[in-house]
């Protein structure tokens, strides 16, 4: 007895799922972005992606915490 369209579709779906399990780097870009959020303002605890520049940190500190010092918000900027 032959295989119908539903059976062929099911087999193709299972085959593709096996490929996806074995694929390296398969994952959401959102997950990678969450892991890259390594800079954190110590005043409000807002996180920033690891490639954030000192200028963006300074803008955040001036806009959100005008009374606090830049280095209070972002101690990693001290040199």
PDB file of N, CA and C in Angstrom:
ATOM      1  N   UNK A   1       0.855  -1.170   0.000  1.00  0.00           N
ATOM      2  CA  UNK A   1       0.000   0.000   0.000  1.00  0.00           C
ATOM      3  C   UNK A   1       0.899   1.230   0.000  1.00  0.00           C
ATOM      4  N   UNK A   2       0.483   2.214  -0.729  1.00  0.00           N
ATOM      5  CA  UNK A   2       1.296   3.399  -0.908  1.00  0.00           C
ATOM      6  C   UNK A   2       1.186   4.365   0.260  1.00  0.00           C
ATOM      7  N   UNK A   3       2.098   5.283   0.300  1.00  0.00           N
ATOM      8  CA  UNK A   3       2.084   6.309   1.333  1.00  0.00           C
ATOM      9  C   UNK A   3       1.351   7.533   0.813  1.00  0.00           C
ATOM     10  N   UNK A   4       0.466   8.034   1.610  1.00  0.00           N
ATOM     11  CA  UNK A   4      -0.285   9.222   1.221  1.00  0.00           C
ATOM     12  C   UNK A   4       0.515  10.488   1.479  1.00  0.00           C
ATOM     13  N   UNK A   5      -0.070  11.594   1.108  1.00  0.00           N
ATOM     14  CA  UNK A   5       0.603  12.875   1.300  1.00  0.00           C
ATOM     15  C   UNK A   5       0.871  13.167   2.770  1.00  0.00           C
ATOM     16  N   UNK A   6      -0.048  12.807   3.634  1.00  0.00           N
ATOM     17  CA  UNK A   6       0.134  13.058   5.062  1.00  0.00           C
ATOM     18  C   UNK A   6       1.328  12.278   5.599  1.00  0.00           C
ATOM     19  N   UNK A   7       1.472  11.051   5.134  1.00  0.00           N
ATOM     20  CA  UNK A   7       2.590  10.229   5.598  1.00  0.00           C
ATOM     21  C   UNK A   7       3.919  10.791   5.095  1.00  0.00           C
ATOM     22  N   UNK A   8       3.957  11.236   3.840  1.00  0.00           N
ATOM     23  CA  UNK A   8       5.178  11.819   3.280  1.00  0.00           C
ATOM     24  C   UNK A   8       5.560  13.100   4.014  1.00  0.00           C
ATOM     25  N   UNK A   9       4.545  13.907   4.326  1.00  0.00           N
ATOM     26  CA  UNK A   9       4.784  15.149   5.050  1.00  0.00           C
ATOM     27  C   UNK A   9       5.343  14.865   6.434  1.00  0.00           C
ATOM     28  N   UNK A  10       4.774  13.873   7.101  1.00  0.00           N
ATOM     29  CA  UNK A  10       5.239  13.508   8.444  1.00  0.00           C
ATOM     30  C   UNK A  10       6.687  13.052   8.402  1.00  0.00           C
ATOM     31  N   UNK A  11       7.024  12.228   7.417  1.00  0.00           N
ATOM     32  CA  UNK A  11       8.397  11.730   7.307  1.00  0.00           C
ATOM     33  C   UNK A  11       9.373  12.882   7.013  1.00  0.00           C
ATOM     34  N   UNK A  12       8.967  13.799   6.140  1.00  0.00           N
ATOM     35  CA  UNK A  12       9.831  14.937   5.820  1.00  0.00           C
ATOM     36  C   UNK A  12      10.027  15.828   7.044  1.00  0.00           C
ATOM     37  N   UNK A  13       8.959  16.024   7.813  1.00  0.00           N
ATOM     38  CA  UNK A  13       9.046  16.848   9.018  1.00  0.00           C
ATOM     39  C   UNK A  13       9.996  16.224  10.032  1.00  0.00           C
ATOM     40  N   UNK A  14       9.897  14.904  10.226  1.00  0.00           N
ATOM     41  CA  UNK A  14      10.790  14.224  11.170  1.00  0.00           C
ATOM     42  C   UNK A  14      12.243  14.295  10.712  1.00  0.00           C
ATOM     43  N   UNK A  15      12.449  14.171   9.410  1.00  0.00           N
ATOM     44  CA  UNK A  15      13.802  14.247   8.863  1.00  0.00           C
ATOM     45  C   UNK A  15      14.399  15.642   9.091  1.00  0.00           C
ATOM     46  N   UNK A  16      13.596  16.670   8.869  1.00  0.00           N
ATOM     47  CA  UNK A  16      14.073  18.041   9.082  1.00  0.00           C
ATOM     48  C   UNK A  16      14.346  18.327  10.550  1.00  0.00           C
ATOM     49  N   UNK A  17      13.540  17.761  11.444  1.00  0.00           N
ATOM     50  CA  UNK A  17      13.777  17.962  12.876  1.00  0.00           C
ATOM     51  C   UNK A  17      15.091  17.321  13.301  1.00  0.00           C
ATOM     52  N   UNK A  18      15.413  16.174  12.729  1.00  0.00           N
ATOM     53  CA  UNK A  18      16.684  15.533  13.043  1.00  0.00           C
ATOM     54  C   UNK A  18      17.855  16.373  12.548  1.00  0.00           C
ATOM     55  N   UNK A  19      17.706  16.994  11.387  1.00  0.00           N
ATOM     56  CA  UNK A  19      18.753  17.871  10.867  1.00  0.00           C
ATOM     57  C   UNK A  19      18.961  19.064  11.781  1.00  0.00           C
ATOM     58  N   UNK A  20      17.864  19.626  12.249  1.00  0.00           N
ATOM     59  CA  UNK A  20      17.956  20.816  13.094  1.00  0.00           C
ATOM     60  C   UNK A  20      18.597  20.501  14.441  1.00  0.00           C
ATOM     61  N   UNK A  21      18.372  19.310  14.954  1.00  0.00           N
ATOM     62  CA  UNK A  21      18.997  18.931  16.225  1.00  0.00           C
ATOM     63  C   UNK A  21      20.504  18.838  16.084  1.00  0.00           C
ATOM     64  N   UNK A  22      20.968  18.362  14.953  1.00  0.00           N
ATOM     65  CA  UNK A  22      22.394  18.175  14.728  1.00  0.00           C
ATOM     66  C   UNK A  22      23.104  19.423  14.260  1.00  0.00           C
ATOM     67  N   UNK A  23      22.365  20.428  13.871  1.00  0.00           N
ATOM     68  CA  UNK A  23      22.990  21.637  13.337  1.00  0.00           C
ATOM     69  C   UNK A  23      23.711  22.395  14.441  1.00  0.00           C
ATOM     70  N   UNK A  24      24.934  22.814  14.147  1.00  0.00           N
ATOM     71  CA  UNK A  24      25.688  23.602  15.117  1.00  0.00           C
ATOM     72  C   UNK A  24      25.247  25.049  15.044  1.00  0.00           C
ATOM     73  N   UNK A  25      25.282  25.710  16.178  1.00  0.00           N
ATOM     74  CA  UNK A  25      24.954  27.124  16.203  1.00  0.00           C
ATOM     75  C   UNK A  25      23.469  27.398  16.066  1.00  0.00           C
ATOM     76  N   UNK A  26      22.681  26.352  16.079  1.00  0.00           N
ATOM     77  CA  UNK A  26      21.249  26.594  15.954  1.00  0.00           C
ATOM     78  C   UNK A  26      20.750  27.134  17.283  1.00  0.00           C
ATOM     79  N   UNK A  27      20.214  28.280  17.217  1.00  0.00           N
ATOM     80  CA  UNK A  27      19.713  28.938  18.401  1.00  0.00           C
ATOM     81  C   UNK A  27      19.186  30.292  18.020  1.00  0.00           C
ATOM     82  N   UNK A  28      18.523  30.877  18.922  1.00  0.00           N
ATOM     83  CA  UNK A  28      17.912  32.159  18.653  1.00  0.00           C
ATOM     84  C   UNK A  28      18.931  33.284  18.783  1.00  0.00           C
ATOM     85  N   UNK A  29      18.817  34.250  17.923  1.00  0.00           N
ATOM     86  CA  UNK A  29      19.671  35.436  18.027  1.00  0.00           C
ATOM     87  C   UNK A  29      19.340  36.199  19.302  1.00  0.00           C
ATOM     88  N   UNK A  30      18.083  36.112  19.733  1.00  0.00           N
ATOM     89  CA  UNK A  30      17.679  36.774  20.969  1.00  0.00           C
ATOM     90  C   UNK A  30      18.412  36.196  22.173  1.00  0.00           C
ATOM     91  N   UNK A  31      18.612  34.884  22.168  1.00  0.00           N
ATOM     92  CA  UNK A  31      19.360  34.260  23.259  1.00  0.00           C
ATOM     93  C   UNK A  31      20.802  34.757  23.283  1.00  0.00           C
ATOM     94  N   UNK A  32      21.397  34.878  22.121  1.00  0.00           N
ATOM     95  CA  UNK A  32      22.771  35.366  22.040  1.00  0.00           C
ATOM     96  C   UNK A  32      22.850  36.810  22.522  1.00  0.00           C
ATOM     97  N   UNK A  33      21.858  37.609  22.184  1.00  0.00           N
ATOM     98  CA  UNK A  33      21.846  39.010  22.621  1.00  0.00           C
ATOM     99  C   UNK A  33      21.698  39.115  24.129  1.00  0.00           C
ATOM    100  N   UNK A  34      20.884  38.259  24.718  1.00  0.00           N
ATOM    101  CA  UNK A  34      20.715  38.287  26.174  1.00  0.00           C
ATOM    102  C   UNK A  34      22.025  37.945  26.884  1.00  0.00           C
ATOM    103  N   UNK A  35      22.760  37.009  26.320  1.00  0.00           N
ATOM    104  CA  UNK A  35      24.037  36.622  26.924  1.00  0.00           C
ATOM    105  C   UNK A  35      25.080  37.725  26.787  1.00  0.00           C
ATOM    106  N   UNK A  36      24.952  38.566  25.766  1.00  0.00           N
ATOM    107  CA  UNK A  36      25.924  39.629  25.525  1.00  0.00           C
ATOM    108  C   UNK A  36      25.650  40.877  26.355  1.00  0.00           C
ATOM    109  N   UNK A  37      24.566  40.893  27.109  1.00  0.00           N
ATOM    110  CA  UNK A  37      24.232  42.064  27.932  1.00  0.00           C
ATOM    111  C   UNK A  37      25.080  42.030  29.202  1.00  0.00           C
ATOM    112  N   UNK A  38      26.320  42.460  29.077  1.00  0.00           N
ATOM    113  CA  UNK A  38      27.256  42.306  30.193  1.00  0.00           C
ATOM    114  C   UNK A  38      27.562  43.598  30.928  1.00  0.00           C
ATOM    115  N   UNK A  39      27.185  44.746  30.366  1.00  0.00           N
ATOM    116  CA  UNK A  39      27.418  46.025  31.044  1.00  0.00           C
ATOM    117  C   UNK A  39      26.144  46.402  31.781  1.00  0.00           C
ATOM    118  N   UNK A  40      26.291  46.775  33.052  1.00  0.00           N
ATOM    119  CA  UNK A  40      25.104  47.083  33.858  1.00  0.00           C
ATOM    120  C   UNK A  40      25.323  48.377  34.637  1.00  0.00           C
ATOM    121  N   UNK A  41      24.311  49.234  34.580  1.00  0.00           N
ATOM    122  CA  UNK A  41      24.327  50.455  35.378  1.00  0.00           C
ATOM    123  C   UNK A  41      24.116  50.048  36.833  1.00  0.00           C
ATOM    124  N   UNK A  42      24.989  50.491  37.707  1.00  0.00           N
ATOM    125  CA  UNK A  42      24.904  50.088  39.113  1.00  0.00           C
ATOM    126  C   UNK A  42      23.840  50.860  39.885  1.00  0.00           C
ATOM    127  N   UNK A  43      23.287  51.913  39.299  1.00  0.00           N
ATOM    128  CA  UNK A  43      22.253  52.693  39.973  1.00  0.00           C
ATOM    129  C   UNK A  43      20.873  52.109  39.690  1.00  0.00           C
ATOM    130  N   UNK A  44      20.554  51.931  38.407  1.00  0.00           N
ATOM    131  CA  UNK A  44      19.210  51.454  38.049  1.00  0.00           C
ATOM    132  C   UNK A  44      19.203  50.000  37.588  1.00  0.00           C
ATOM    133  N   UNK A  45      20.355  49.380  37.485  1.00  0.00           N
ATOM    134  CA  UNK A  45      20.519  47.978  37.089  1.00  0.00           C
ATOM    135  C   UNK A  45      20.089  47.690  35.651  1.00  0.00           C
ATOM    136  N   UNK A  46      20.031  48.715  34.805  1.00  0.00           N
ATOM    137  CA  UNK A  46      19.729  48.500  33.394  1.00  0.00           C
ATOM    138  C   UNK A  46      20.942  47.875  32.732  1.00  0.00           C
ATOM    139  N   UNK A  47      20.722  46.904  31.850  1.00  0.00           N
ATOM    140  CA  UNK A  47      21.824  46.229  31.189  1.00  0.00           C
ATOM    141  C   UNK A  47      22.012  46.761  29.774  1.00  0.00           C
ATOM    142  N   UNK A  48      23.255  46.691  29.322  1.00  0.00           N
ATOM    143  CA  UNK A  48      23.631  47.135  27.988  1.00  0.00           C
ATOM    144  C   UNK A  48      24.461  46.047  27.338  1.00  0.00           C
ATOM    145  N   UNK A  49      24.413  45.982  26.016  1.00  0.00           N
ATOM    146  CA  UNK A  49      25.187  44.988  25.283  1.00  0.00           C
ATOM    147  C   UNK A  49      26.683  45.290  25.430  1.00  0.00           C
ATOM    148  N   UNK A  50      27.495  44.266  25.346  1.00  0.00           N
ATOM    149  CA  UNK A  50      28.922  44.399  25.638  1.00  0.00           C
ATOM    150  C   UNK A  50      29.650  45.347  24.694  1.00  0.00           C
ATOM    151  N   UNK A  51      29.097  45.651  23.542  1.00  0.00           N
ATOM    152  CA  UNK A  51      29.759  46.548  22.593  1.00  0.00           C
ATOM    153  C   UNK A  51      29.374  48.011  22.786  1.00  0.00           C
ATOM    154  N   UNK A  52      28.656  48.316  23.853  1.00  0.00           N
ATOM    155  CA  UNK A  52      28.236  49.688  24.122  1.00  0.00           C
ATOM    156  C   UNK A  52      29.457  50.562  24.386  1.00  0.00           C
ATOM    157  N   UNK A  53      29.475  51.728  23.766  1.00  0.00           N
ATOM    158  CA  UNK A  53      30.624  52.621  23.895  1.00  0.00           C
ATOM    159  C   UNK A  53      30.524  53.452  25.170  1.00  0.00           C
ATOM    160  N   UNK A  54      31.643  54.078  25.498  1.00  0.00           N
ATOM    161  CA  UNK A  54      31.698  54.952  26.673  1.00  0.00           C
ATOM    162  C   UNK A  54      30.758  56.147  26.488  1.00  0.00           C
ATOM    163  N   UNK A  55      30.582  56.582  25.252  1.00  0.00           N
ATOM    164  CA  UNK A  55      29.702  57.723  24.965  1.00  0.00           C
ATOM    165  C   UNK A  55      28.258  57.379  25.334  1.00  0.00           C
ATOM    166  N   UNK A  56      27.824  56.180  24.975  1.00  0.00           N
ATOM    167  CA  UNK A  56      26.452  55.753  25.293  1.00  0.00           C
ATOM    168  C   UNK A  56      26.260  55.619  26.807  1.00  0.00           C
ATOM    169  N   UNK A  57      27.276  55.131  27.484  1.00  0.00           N
ATOM    170  CA  UNK A  57      27.196  55.029  28.950  1.00  0.00           C
ATOM    171  C   UNK A  57      27.085  56.417  29.569  1.00  0.00           C
ATOM    172  N   UNK A  58      27.856  57.354  29.030  1.00  0.00           N
ATOM    173  CA  UNK A  58      27.828  58.725  29.534  1.00  0.00           C
ATOM    174  C   UNK A  58      26.460  59.351  29.286  1.00  0.00           C
ATOM    175  N   UNK A  59      25.886  59.125  28.098  1.00  0.00           N
ATOM    176  CA  UNK A  59      24.555  59.647  27.784  1.00  0.00           C
ATOM    177  C   UNK A  59      23.511  59.094  28.748  1.00  0.00           C
ATOM    178  N   UNK A  60      23.604  57.809  29.065  1.00  0.00           N
ATOM    179  CA  UNK A  60      22.667  57.198  30.000  1.00  0.00           C
ATOM    180  C   UNK A  60      22.791  57.825  31.375  1.00  0.00           C
ATOM    181  N   UNK A  61      24.015  57.978  31.831  1.00  0.00           N
ATOM    182  CA  UNK A  61      24.237  58.534  33.164  1.00  0.00           C
ATOM    183  C   UNK A  61      23.728  59.973  33.261  1.00  0.00           C
ATOM    184  N   UNK A  62      23.954  60.776  32.226  1.00  0.00           N
ATOM    185  CA  UNK A  62      23.504  62.170  32.251  1.00  0.00           C
ATOM    186  C   UNK A  62      21.986  62.275  32.146  1.00  0.00           C
ATOM    187  N   UNK A  63      21.371  61.410  31.361  1.00  0.00           N
ATOM    188  CA  UNK A  63      19.921  61.485  31.150  1.00  0.00           C
ATOM    189  C   UNK A  63      19.133  60.886  32.317  1.00  0.00           C
ATOM    190  N   UNK A  64      19.578  59.763  32.817  1.00  0.00           N
ATOM    191  CA  UNK A  64      18.808  59.036  33.836  1.00  0.00           C
ATOM    192  C   UNK A  64      19.230  59.360  35.265  1.00  0.00           C
ATOM    193  N   UNK A  65      20.502  59.666  35.459  1.00  0.00           N
ATOM    194  CA  UNK A  65      21.027  59.894  36.811  1.00  0.00           C
ATOM    195  C   UNK A  65      21.874  61.166  36.842  1.00  0.00           C
ATOM    196  N   UNK A  66      21.265  62.327  36.679  1.00  0.00           N
ATOM    197  CA  UNK A  66      22.067  63.563  36.605  1.00  0.00           C
ATOM    198  C   UNK A  66      22.813  63.888  37.895  1.00  0.00           C
ATOM    199  N   UNK A  67      22.322  63.411  39.033  1.00  0.00           N
ATOM    200  CA  UNK A  67      22.990  63.697  40.307  1.00  0.00           C
ATOM    201  C   UNK A  67      24.132  62.729  40.588  1.00  0.00           C
ATOM    202  N   UNK A  68      24.125  61.580  39.939  1.00  0.00           N
ATOM    203  CA  UNK A  68      25.159  60.570  40.169  1.00  0.00           C
ATOM    204  C   UNK A  68      26.329  60.789  39.213  1.00  0.00           C
ATOM    205  N   UNK A  69      27.478  60.371  39.658  1.00  0.00           N
ATOM    206  CA  UNK A  69      28.693  60.454  38.859  1.00  0.00           C
ATOM    207  C   UNK A  69      28.687  59.331  37.816  1.00  0.00           C
ATOM    208  N   UNK A  70      29.373  59.554  36.703  1.00  0.00           N
ATOM    209  CA  UNK A  70      29.471  58.539  35.650  1.00  0.00           C
ATOM    210  C   UNK A  70      30.080  57.248  36.191  1.00  0.00           C
ATOM    211  N   UNK A  71      31.102  57.379  37.028  1.00  0.00           N
ATOM    212  CA  UNK A  71      31.783  56.200  37.546  1.00  0.00           C
ATOM    213  C   UNK A  71      30.979  55.487  38.626  1.00  0.00           C
ATOM    214  N   UNK A  72      29.991  56.167  39.207  1.00  0.00           N
ATOM    215  CA  UNK A  72      29.075  55.501  40.138  1.00  0.00           C
ATOM    216  C   UNK A  72      28.181  54.554  39.351  1.00  0.00           C
ATOM    217  N   UNK A  73      27.740  54.993  38.183  1.00  0.00           N
ATOM    218  CA  UNK A  73      26.882  54.167  37.334  1.00  0.00           C
ATOM    219  C   UNK A  73      27.664  53.035  36.671  1.00  0.00           C
ATOM    220  N   UNK A  74      28.824  53.365  36.142  1.00  0.00           N
ATOM    221  CA  UNK A  74      29.618  52.401  35.387  1.00  0.00           C
ATOM    222  C   UNK A  74      31.054  52.362  35.910  1.00  0.00           C
ATOM    223  N   UNK A  75      31.305  51.614  36.974  1.00  0.00           N
ATOM    224  CA  UNK A  75      32.651  51.574  37.559  1.00  0.00           C
ATOM    225  C   UNK A  75      33.699  50.969  36.635  1.00  0.00           C
ATOM    226  N   UNK A  76      33.297  50.202  35.632  1.00  0.00           N
ATOM    227  CA  UNK A  76      34.273  49.598  34.723  1.00  0.00           C
ATOM    228  C   UNK A  76      34.955  50.633  33.827  1.00  0.00           C
ATOM    229  N   UNK A  77      34.422  51.866  33.783  1.00  0.00           N
ATOM    230  CA  UNK A  77      35.019  52.918  32.950  1.00  0.00           C
ATOM    231  C   UNK A  77      36.213  53.596  33.608  1.00  0.00           C
ATOM    232  N   UNK A  78      36.409  53.358  34.909  1.00  0.00           N
ATOM    233  CA  UNK A  78      37.565  53.942  35.592  1.00  0.00           C
ATOM    234  C   UNK A  78      38.839  53.344  35.019  1.00  0.00           C
ATOM    235  N   UNK A  79      39.810  54.194  34.790  1.00  0.00           N
ATOM    236  CA  UNK A  79      41.076  53.697  34.228  1.00  0.00           C
ATOM    237  C   UNK A  79      42.228  54.035  35.116  1.00  0.00           C
TER     238      UNK A  79
END
